Each structure stands twice: as structure tokens, then as C-alpha cells.
Protein backbone atom coordinates (compact mmCIF):
# COMPACT_ATOMS: atom_id res chain seq x y z
CA MET A 1 8.80 -52.85 -33.19
CA SER A 2 9.00 -56.32 -31.78
CA GLU A 3 6.19 -58.09 -30.07
CA ASN A 4 8.36 -58.63 -27.02
CA THR A 5 8.35 -55.00 -26.04
CA VAL A 6 6.37 -54.32 -22.88
CA ARG A 7 4.06 -51.34 -22.83
CA LYS A 8 3.58 -49.17 -19.78
CA ASN A 9 0.45 -49.83 -17.66
CA GLU A 10 0.32 -53.43 -18.84
CA PRO A 11 1.35 -56.37 -16.72
CA SER A 12 4.78 -57.70 -17.58
CA GLU A 13 5.31 -61.34 -18.25
CA LYS A 14 8.29 -61.40 -15.92
CA ASP A 15 6.32 -60.24 -12.91
CA PRO A 16 2.78 -61.60 -13.09
CA GLN A 17 2.38 -61.36 -9.27
CA ASP A 18 2.36 -57.56 -9.19
CA PRO A 19 -0.16 -56.59 -6.44
CA LEU A 20 -1.42 -53.57 -8.39
CA TRP A 21 -2.35 -55.72 -11.41
CA ASP A 22 -3.97 -58.30 -9.14
CA LEU A 23 -6.17 -55.57 -7.71
CA ILE A 24 -7.02 -54.28 -11.16
CA ARG A 25 -7.93 -57.78 -12.37
CA LYS A 26 -10.15 -58.36 -9.30
CA ASP A 27 -11.87 -55.02 -9.78
CA ALA A 28 -12.38 -55.65 -13.49
CA SER A 29 -13.91 -59.10 -12.83
CA ALA A 30 -16.16 -57.74 -10.05
CA HIS A 31 -17.41 -54.86 -12.14
CA ALA A 32 -17.63 -56.29 -15.57
CA SER A 33 -19.00 -53.84 -18.03
CA THR A 34 -21.03 -54.70 -21.04
CA LEU A 35 -20.33 -51.29 -22.60
CA ALA A 36 -17.28 -50.96 -24.79
CA PRO A 37 -15.09 -47.98 -24.02
CA SER A 38 -15.51 -45.08 -26.37
CA PRO A 39 -12.65 -44.48 -28.83
CA TRP A 40 -13.04 -40.75 -28.13
CA PHE A 41 -12.62 -41.12 -24.32
CA ALA A 42 -9.02 -39.81 -24.22
CA SER A 43 -9.74 -36.91 -26.52
CA ARG A 44 -12.79 -35.80 -24.63
CA THR A 45 -11.02 -36.10 -21.33
CA VAL A 46 -8.09 -34.00 -22.51
CA ALA A 47 -10.47 -31.38 -23.96
CA LYS A 48 -12.37 -31.11 -20.70
CA ALA A 49 -9.12 -30.90 -18.75
CA ARG A 50 -7.86 -28.01 -20.95
CA CYS A 51 -11.16 -26.09 -20.61
CA THR A 52 -11.17 -26.41 -16.82
CA SER A 53 -9.68 -23.33 -15.14
CA GLN A 54 -6.62 -24.08 -13.16
CA SER A 55 -5.86 -22.40 -9.84
CA HIS A 56 -2.46 -20.78 -9.48
CA GLY A 57 -2.73 -19.42 -6.00
CA ILE A 58 -4.05 -15.89 -5.62
CA PHE A 59 -4.02 -15.23 -9.36
CA THR A 60 -6.09 -17.45 -11.64
CA THR A 61 -3.77 -17.18 -14.65
CA PRO A 62 -0.23 -15.91 -15.24
CA SER A 63 -1.52 -13.30 -17.66
CA ILE A 64 -3.33 -11.55 -14.81
CA LEU A 65 -0.03 -11.40 -12.96
CA ARG A 66 1.64 -9.82 -16.01
CA ARG A 67 -1.26 -7.38 -16.45
CA ILE A 68 -1.00 -6.20 -12.85
CA LEU A 69 2.78 -6.07 -12.50
CA LEU A 70 3.77 -4.71 -15.92
CA PRO A 71 2.56 -1.16 -15.27
CA ILE A 72 4.66 -0.85 -12.10
CA PRO A 73 8.05 -0.65 -13.91
CA LEU A 74 6.55 1.52 -16.66
CA VAL A 75 5.25 4.02 -14.12
CA GLY A 76 8.61 3.96 -12.36
CA LEU A 77 10.43 4.71 -15.61
CA ALA A 78 8.03 7.52 -16.40
CA ALA A 79 8.52 9.04 -12.94
CA LEU A 80 12.29 8.78 -13.25
CA LEU A 81 12.19 10.50 -16.64
CA ILE A 82 10.02 13.38 -15.31
CA ILE A 83 12.25 13.84 -12.30
CA THR A 84 15.38 13.80 -14.47
CA LEU A 85 13.91 16.42 -16.81
CA HIS A 86 12.58 18.80 -14.13
CA ILE A 87 15.13 18.47 -11.37
CA GLY A 88 18.18 17.82 -13.47
CA PRO A 89 21.11 20.22 -13.50
CA LYS A 90 19.96 23.59 -14.66
CA SER A 91 22.24 26.25 -15.96
CA SER A 92 22.42 29.04 -13.37
CA PRO A 93 21.38 32.40 -14.77
CA LYS A 94 24.28 34.83 -15.27
CA PRO A 95 24.15 37.83 -13.00
CA PHE A 96 23.11 41.05 -14.72
CA VAL A 97 26.02 43.37 -14.83
CA SER A 98 25.59 46.86 -16.20
CA SER A 99 27.81 49.82 -16.53
CA GLU A 100 27.54 52.96 -14.43
CA ALA A 101 25.90 54.84 -17.24
CA GLU A 102 23.23 52.15 -17.77
CA PHE A 103 22.59 52.01 -14.01
CA GLU A 104 22.04 55.80 -13.84
CA GLN A 105 19.77 55.65 -16.90
CA HIS A 106 17.63 52.89 -15.32
CA MET A 107 17.37 54.78 -12.04
CA GLU A 108 16.27 57.90 -13.87
CA MET A 109 13.59 55.90 -15.76
CA LEU A 110 12.42 54.36 -12.48
CA ALA A 111 12.19 57.73 -10.78
CA SER A 112 10.42 59.36 -13.62
CA SER A 113 7.78 56.59 -13.94
CA ASP A 114 6.86 56.69 -10.27
CA PRO A 115 4.55 59.70 -9.68
CA GLY A 116 4.26 58.99 -5.92
CA ILE A 117 7.85 59.99 -4.98
């Protein structure tokens, strides 16, 4: 890398009159600090930012949204399966057809088993 590359957040040599950098220089000179910045400042800041809970509207995290909404399609599929199995097309029972001799035999059995007639 060459030394002529300009980093972000640093004043460029082409535009030394940038009002933002003027303000930063004035603030730095007014509040001169004797403490050197910590080399771990960025790491600690990122770690604290990651640990801080972020708000996503009503739900605090997307996993809660998945936990709440996932059972809805599963229950719907289960209900559809139950309805399909219980209300589906059933084979209609064949009518019982007997001969005259069988009919007479059944009527005789019915009459003989009923003592009240």
C-alpha cells in the first residue's frame, strides 16, 4: 500500500478546510486528555454491543417469532390430515339381499325368540 492512500475518518490533504474536521480539532484541543486510549476499546465496545438486547418491535428476537408461528402450520396440517381420514370418501355399505328362504328362516327365528307375541 502506498503512503498516499487516504484513510476514512481522517482529514484529506486535498480538503483541509472540511468543517467537520475543524470542529473535531477544536474539540480535541479544548478537551485534551492525558490518558491514552485503550488498545482494547474497539473490542470491548463491540462485545458490549453484541450482548445488549436489540428491540425488534413487539418480539424481542426473531427466534420468538419462529417459536410462536411455527406451530400454526403444523396444527393446520394435522387438522387437515384428521379431516381427510375421517370425512374422506367412504365406501357405502352394500345392501343386504337375501333369498325368500333365508327371509322366512330369519322371520321364524325372530318369532320364536320373542316370547311376548
